[in-house]
N, C-alpha and C. Protein backbone atom coordinates (compact mmCIF):
# COMPACT_ATOMS: atom_id res chain seq x y z
N MET A 1 -10.79 -5.73 -10.66
CA MET A 1 -11.76 -5.71 -9.58
C MET A 1 -12.47 -4.37 -9.60
N GLU A 2 -13.75 -4.40 -9.43
CA GLU A 2 -14.52 -3.17 -9.33
C GLU A 2 -14.20 -2.49 -8.00
N PRO A 3 -13.99 -1.19 -8.00
CA PRO A 3 -13.67 -0.49 -6.76
C PRO A 3 -14.69 -0.74 -5.65
N ASN A 4 -15.97 -0.82 -5.99
CA ASN A 4 -16.98 -1.01 -4.95
C ASN A 4 -16.92 -2.39 -4.32
N ALA A 5 -16.28 -3.35 -4.98
CA ALA A 5 -16.20 -4.70 -4.45
C ALA A 5 -15.05 -4.86 -3.45
N ALA A 6 -14.10 -3.96 -3.47
CA ALA A 6 -12.93 -4.06 -2.60
C ALA A 6 -13.29 -3.60 -1.18
N GLN A 7 -12.81 -4.34 -0.21
CA GLN A 7 -12.98 -3.95 1.19
C GLN A 7 -11.67 -3.42 1.76
N PHE A 8 -10.56 -3.97 1.26
CA PHE A 8 -9.24 -3.59 1.75
C PHE A 8 -8.35 -3.19 0.58
N ILE A 9 -7.44 -2.27 0.86
CA ILE A 9 -6.39 -1.92 -0.08
C ILE A 9 -5.06 -2.01 0.67
N TYR A 10 -3.97 -2.00 -0.08
CA TYR A 10 -2.66 -2.28 0.50
C TYR A 10 -1.64 -1.22 0.11
N LYS A 11 -0.79 -0.89 1.08
CA LYS A 11 0.30 0.06 0.87
C LYS A 11 1.60 -0.63 1.23
N VAL A 12 2.55 -0.61 0.33
CA VAL A 12 3.88 -1.11 0.60
C VAL A 12 4.69 0.04 1.19
N THR A 13 5.33 -0.22 2.31
CA THR A 13 6.14 0.82 2.95
C THR A 13 7.32 0.18 3.66
N SER A 14 8.25 1.00 4.06
CA SER A 14 9.40 0.49 4.81
C SER A 14 9.08 0.49 6.30
N ARG A 15 9.82 -0.31 7.03
CA ARG A 15 9.65 -0.33 8.49
C ARG A 15 9.91 1.06 9.07
N THR A 16 10.90 1.76 8.53
CA THR A 16 11.25 3.10 9.01
C THR A 16 10.09 4.08 8.79
N GLU A 17 9.49 4.06 7.60
CA GLU A 17 8.36 4.94 7.31
C GLU A 17 7.17 4.62 8.22
N TRP A 18 6.92 3.34 8.45
CA TRP A 18 5.79 2.95 9.28
C TRP A 18 6.02 3.36 10.73
N LYS A 19 7.22 3.18 11.21
CA LYS A 19 7.55 3.59 12.60
C LYS A 19 7.34 5.08 12.76
N ALA A 20 7.79 5.89 11.80
CA ALA A 20 7.60 7.35 11.86
C ALA A 20 6.11 7.69 11.87
N ALA A 21 5.32 6.97 11.07
CA ALA A 21 3.87 7.21 11.03
C ALA A 21 3.24 6.88 12.37
N GLN A 22 3.65 5.80 12.99
CA GLN A 22 3.11 5.42 14.29
C GLN A 22 3.44 6.47 15.34
N ASP A 23 4.61 7.06 15.25
CA ASP A 23 5.02 8.08 16.22
C ASP A 23 4.15 9.32 16.17
N VAL A 24 3.62 9.66 14.98
CA VAL A 24 2.81 10.89 14.84
C VAL A 24 1.33 10.61 14.61
N GLY A 25 0.95 9.35 14.39
CA GLY A 25 -0.45 8.99 14.24
C GLY A 25 -1.00 9.02 12.83
N VAL A 26 -0.19 9.42 11.86
CA VAL A 26 -0.61 9.43 10.46
C VAL A 26 0.57 9.05 9.57
N PHE A 27 0.23 8.43 8.45
CA PHE A 27 1.22 8.11 7.43
C PHE A 27 1.04 9.14 6.32
N ALA A 28 2.01 10.02 6.17
CA ALA A 28 1.90 11.09 5.17
C ALA A 28 2.29 10.61 3.78
N GLY A 29 3.02 9.50 3.69
CA GLY A 29 3.40 8.96 2.40
C GLY A 29 4.88 8.71 2.28
N ALA A 30 5.23 8.02 1.21
CA ALA A 30 6.62 7.75 0.85
C ALA A 30 7.06 8.81 -0.15
N PRO A 31 8.34 8.88 -0.49
CA PRO A 31 8.80 9.89 -1.44
C PRO A 31 8.00 9.93 -2.75
N ILE A 32 7.66 8.78 -3.31
CA ILE A 32 6.88 8.76 -4.56
C ILE A 32 5.49 9.36 -4.35
N ASP A 33 4.92 9.16 -3.16
CA ASP A 33 3.61 9.72 -2.86
C ASP A 33 3.68 11.25 -2.81
N PHE A 34 4.73 11.77 -2.19
CA PHE A 34 4.90 13.23 -2.13
C PHE A 34 5.06 13.81 -3.53
N GLU A 35 5.82 13.11 -4.38
CA GLU A 35 6.03 13.58 -5.76
C GLU A 35 4.71 13.64 -6.53
N ASP A 36 3.87 12.62 -6.35
CA ASP A 36 2.64 12.52 -7.13
C ASP A 36 1.44 13.23 -6.51
N GLY A 37 1.53 13.59 -5.23
CA GLY A 37 0.45 14.33 -4.57
C GLY A 37 -0.64 13.46 -3.98
N TYR A 38 -0.40 12.16 -3.88
CA TYR A 38 -1.37 11.25 -3.26
C TYR A 38 -0.62 10.00 -2.80
N ILE A 39 -1.25 9.23 -1.92
CA ILE A 39 -0.66 7.98 -1.45
C ILE A 39 -1.12 6.85 -2.36
N HIS A 40 -0.16 6.13 -2.90
CA HIS A 40 -0.41 5.01 -3.80
C HIS A 40 -0.83 3.77 -3.01
N PHE A 41 -1.86 3.10 -3.47
CA PHE A 41 -2.29 1.82 -2.91
C PHE A 41 -2.48 0.83 -4.04
N SER A 42 -2.62 -0.43 -3.66
CA SER A 42 -2.95 -1.49 -4.61
C SER A 42 -4.07 -2.33 -4.01
N THR A 43 -4.84 -2.96 -4.88
CA THR A 43 -5.81 -3.93 -4.43
C THR A 43 -5.08 -5.24 -4.15
N GLU A 44 -5.78 -6.18 -3.57
CA GLU A 44 -5.21 -7.50 -3.32
C GLU A 44 -4.69 -8.12 -4.61
N ALA A 45 -5.43 -7.96 -5.70
CA ALA A 45 -5.03 -8.53 -6.99
C ALA A 45 -3.83 -7.83 -7.60
N GLN A 46 -3.53 -6.61 -7.17
CA GLN A 46 -2.45 -5.81 -7.76
C GLN A 46 -1.16 -5.81 -6.94
N VAL A 47 -1.23 -6.28 -5.70
CA VAL A 47 -0.09 -6.17 -4.78
C VAL A 47 1.17 -6.83 -5.32
N ARG A 48 1.06 -8.06 -5.72
CA ARG A 48 2.26 -8.80 -6.15
C ARG A 48 2.96 -8.08 -7.30
N GLU A 49 2.22 -7.66 -8.31
CA GLU A 49 2.82 -6.96 -9.44
C GLU A 49 3.45 -5.63 -9.01
N THR A 50 2.78 -4.91 -8.13
CA THR A 50 3.32 -3.64 -7.62
C THR A 50 4.65 -3.85 -6.93
N VAL A 51 4.71 -4.83 -6.05
CA VAL A 51 5.94 -5.11 -5.30
C VAL A 51 7.05 -5.52 -6.25
N GLU A 52 6.74 -6.43 -7.16
CA GLU A 52 7.77 -6.91 -8.08
C GLU A 52 8.25 -5.82 -9.03
N LYS A 53 7.38 -4.90 -9.40
CA LYS A 53 7.75 -3.83 -10.33
C LYS A 53 8.52 -2.68 -9.66
N HIS A 54 8.13 -2.33 -8.45
CA HIS A 54 8.65 -1.10 -7.84
C HIS A 54 9.56 -1.30 -6.62
N PHE A 55 9.67 -2.51 -6.09
CA PHE A 55 10.39 -2.68 -4.82
C PHE A 55 11.47 -3.75 -4.85
N GLN A 56 11.86 -4.23 -6.04
CA GLN A 56 12.89 -5.26 -6.15
C GLN A 56 14.17 -4.83 -5.43
N GLY A 57 14.75 -5.77 -4.69
CA GLY A 57 16.02 -5.53 -4.01
C GLY A 57 15.89 -4.79 -2.69
N GLN A 58 14.71 -4.34 -2.34
CA GLN A 58 14.53 -3.62 -1.08
C GLN A 58 14.22 -4.60 0.04
N THR A 59 14.68 -4.28 1.21
CA THR A 59 14.44 -5.11 2.38
C THR A 59 13.68 -4.30 3.41
N GLU A 60 13.27 -4.98 4.46
CA GLU A 60 12.56 -4.34 5.58
C GLU A 60 11.25 -3.70 5.12
N LEU A 61 10.53 -4.39 4.23
CA LEU A 61 9.26 -3.86 3.74
C LEU A 61 8.07 -4.46 4.51
N LEU A 62 7.03 -3.66 4.57
CA LEU A 62 5.77 -4.07 5.18
C LEU A 62 4.65 -3.81 4.20
N LEU A 63 3.59 -4.55 4.38
CA LEU A 63 2.37 -4.35 3.61
C LEU A 63 1.30 -3.92 4.61
N LEU A 64 0.79 -2.70 4.43
CA LEU A 64 -0.25 -2.19 5.31
C LEU A 64 -1.60 -2.55 4.70
N CYS A 65 -2.43 -3.23 5.46
CA CYS A 65 -3.77 -3.58 5.02
C CYS A 65 -4.71 -2.52 5.58
N VAL A 66 -5.38 -1.81 4.68
CA VAL A 66 -6.19 -0.66 5.05
C VAL A 66 -7.65 -0.93 4.69
N GLU A 67 -8.53 -0.69 5.65
CA GLU A 67 -9.96 -0.84 5.41
C GLU A 67 -10.49 0.40 4.71
N ILE A 68 -10.99 0.23 3.50
CA ILE A 68 -11.43 1.35 2.67
C ILE A 68 -12.50 2.19 3.34
N SER A 69 -13.41 1.56 4.05
CA SER A 69 -14.52 2.30 4.66
C SER A 69 -14.05 3.31 5.70
N ARG A 70 -12.82 3.21 6.16
CA ARG A 70 -12.27 4.14 7.15
C ARG A 70 -11.59 5.36 6.52
N LEU A 71 -11.59 5.43 5.19
CA LEU A 71 -10.84 6.48 4.51
C LEU A 71 -11.66 7.70 4.11
N GLY A 72 -12.95 7.61 4.13
CA GLY A 72 -13.77 8.75 3.75
C GLY A 72 -13.76 8.98 2.26
N HIS A 73 -13.98 10.22 1.87
CA HIS A 73 -14.14 10.58 0.45
C HIS A 73 -12.83 10.96 -0.23
N GLU A 74 -11.73 10.85 0.46
CA GLU A 74 -10.45 11.24 -0.12
C GLU A 74 -9.81 10.14 -0.96
N ILE A 75 -10.44 8.96 -1.01
CA ILE A 75 -9.92 7.87 -1.83
C ILE A 75 -10.52 7.98 -3.23
N LYS A 76 -9.67 7.91 -4.23
CA LYS A 76 -10.10 7.99 -5.63
C LYS A 76 -9.54 6.78 -6.37
N TRP A 77 -10.35 6.22 -7.26
CA TRP A 77 -9.92 5.11 -8.11
C TRP A 77 -9.56 5.68 -9.47
N GLU A 78 -8.28 5.57 -9.82
CA GLU A 78 -7.80 6.20 -11.05
C GLU A 78 -7.05 5.20 -11.92
N GLU A 79 -7.17 5.41 -13.22
CA GLU A 79 -6.53 4.54 -14.18
C GLU A 79 -5.02 4.72 -14.11
N SER A 80 -4.32 3.60 -14.16
CA SER A 80 -2.87 3.62 -14.12
C SER A 80 -2.36 2.47 -14.95
N ARG A 81 -1.39 1.76 -14.46
CA ARG A 81 -0.69 0.69 -15.16
C ARG A 81 -1.64 -0.22 -15.93
N GLY A 82 -1.48 -0.27 -17.23
CA GLY A 82 -2.26 -1.17 -18.07
C GLY A 82 -3.75 -0.90 -18.07
N GLY A 83 -4.15 0.31 -17.74
CA GLY A 83 -5.56 0.66 -17.73
C GLY A 83 -6.30 0.22 -16.47
N GLN A 84 -5.59 -0.39 -15.52
CA GLN A 84 -6.22 -0.82 -14.28
C GLN A 84 -6.57 0.38 -13.40
N LEU A 85 -7.61 0.23 -12.60
CA LEU A 85 -7.96 1.25 -11.62
C LEU A 85 -7.21 0.98 -10.33
N PHE A 86 -6.48 1.99 -9.87
CA PHE A 86 -5.73 1.89 -8.62
C PHE A 86 -6.29 2.88 -7.62
N PRO A 87 -6.31 2.50 -6.34
CA PRO A 87 -6.77 3.42 -5.30
C PRO A 87 -5.66 4.41 -4.92
N HIS A 88 -6.02 5.68 -4.89
CA HIS A 88 -5.12 6.75 -4.49
C HIS A 88 -5.78 7.55 -3.38
N LEU A 89 -5.05 7.84 -2.34
CA LEU A 89 -5.57 8.60 -1.20
C LEU A 89 -5.01 10.01 -1.24
N TYR A 90 -5.90 10.98 -1.35
CA TYR A 90 -5.52 12.38 -1.42
C TYR A 90 -5.60 13.04 -0.05
N ALA A 91 -5.03 12.38 0.94
CA ALA A 91 -4.98 12.87 2.31
C ALA A 91 -4.00 11.98 3.07
N PRO A 92 -3.53 12.42 4.21
CA PRO A 92 -2.70 11.51 5.02
C PRO A 92 -3.53 10.30 5.46
N LEU A 93 -2.86 9.19 5.63
CA LEU A 93 -3.50 7.96 6.08
C LEU A 93 -3.48 7.91 7.60
N GLU A 94 -4.66 7.95 8.20
CA GLU A 94 -4.76 7.80 9.65
C GLU A 94 -4.38 6.36 10.00
N ILE A 95 -3.49 6.18 10.97
CA ILE A 95 -3.03 4.82 11.24
C ILE A 95 -4.15 3.93 11.78
N GLY A 96 -5.23 4.50 12.27
CA GLY A 96 -6.37 3.71 12.71
C GLY A 96 -7.07 2.98 11.58
N ALA A 97 -6.83 3.41 10.35
CA ALA A 97 -7.42 2.73 9.19
C ALA A 97 -6.65 1.47 8.81
N VAL A 98 -5.46 1.31 9.37
CA VAL A 98 -4.62 0.14 9.09
C VAL A 98 -5.06 -0.99 10.02
N VAL A 99 -5.59 -2.05 9.44
CA VAL A 99 -6.13 -3.13 10.26
C VAL A 99 -5.16 -4.31 10.40
N GLU A 100 -4.12 -4.33 9.58
CA GLU A 100 -3.12 -5.38 9.67
C GLU A 100 -1.82 -4.89 9.04
N VAL A 101 -0.71 -5.28 9.65
CA VAL A 101 0.62 -4.99 9.12
C VAL A 101 1.28 -6.32 8.84
N ILE A 102 1.64 -6.54 7.58
CA ILE A 102 2.16 -7.84 7.14
C ILE A 102 3.63 -7.68 6.72
N ASP A 103 4.49 -8.53 7.28
CA ASP A 103 5.89 -8.54 6.86
C ASP A 103 5.98 -8.98 5.41
N LEU A 104 6.91 -8.41 4.69
CA LEU A 104 7.13 -8.76 3.29
C LEU A 104 8.61 -9.13 3.14
N PRO A 105 8.96 -10.33 3.61
CA PRO A 105 10.38 -10.73 3.60
C PRO A 105 10.85 -11.20 2.23
N LEU A 106 12.16 -11.22 2.11
CA LEU A 106 12.80 -11.78 0.92
C LEU A 106 13.13 -13.24 1.19
N GLY A 107 12.92 -14.08 0.19
CA GLY A 107 13.31 -15.48 0.30
C GLY A 107 14.78 -15.66 0.01
N ASP A 108 15.26 -16.87 0.14
CA ASP A 108 16.67 -17.17 -0.12
C ASP A 108 17.09 -16.81 -1.53
N ASP A 109 16.15 -16.85 -2.47
CA ASP A 109 16.47 -16.55 -3.87
C ASP A 109 16.37 -15.05 -4.18
N GLY A 110 16.06 -14.23 -3.17
CA GLY A 110 15.99 -12.79 -3.37
C GLY A 110 14.63 -12.29 -3.82
N SER A 111 13.67 -13.19 -4.00
CA SER A 111 12.32 -12.76 -4.37
C SER A 111 11.47 -12.61 -3.11
N PHE A 112 10.40 -11.84 -3.22
CA PHE A 112 9.55 -11.60 -2.07
C PHE A 112 8.71 -12.84 -1.75
N VAL A 113 8.49 -13.04 -0.47
CA VAL A 113 7.67 -14.14 0.01
C VAL A 113 6.30 -13.57 0.37
N PHE A 114 5.29 -14.00 -0.36
CA PHE A 114 3.92 -13.50 -0.16
C PHE A 114 3.08 -14.52 0.58
N LEU A 115 2.09 -14.00 1.28
CA LEU A 115 1.08 -14.88 1.84
C LEU A 115 0.30 -15.51 0.70
N ASP A 116 -0.40 -16.56 0.98
CA ASP A 116 -1.16 -17.28 -0.05
C ASP A 116 -2.17 -16.41 -0.77
N LYS A 117 -2.75 -15.40 -0.11
CA LYS A 117 -3.81 -14.62 -0.75
C LYS A 117 -3.32 -13.65 -1.81
N PHE A 118 -2.02 -13.46 -1.91
CA PHE A 118 -1.51 -12.50 -2.89
C PHE A 118 -0.96 -13.21 -4.10
């Protein structure tokens, strides 16, 4: 997907991390984000692969739907996995940019249950 065509990007996070962000008004990132110096996001087309690759076996996960137009100039599209462009935010995420919070439950077989659009 071309970066300019995307309206929303997605962040996988834990309920605990999201609750902490709500308490202070910003999401500063997960441990991997702190290590890399930016907040990792995925496009709608990349979410399923991201979750399956990096979050297997984890529970209590949420998918934050973020409106790109609310992020300003701190969002960068950078090449990553398989040459794909991924959105990276080089600033804390203001919780007002999150337009939807989606549960990401595990099914009976231990795999993630996604909404139809993913």
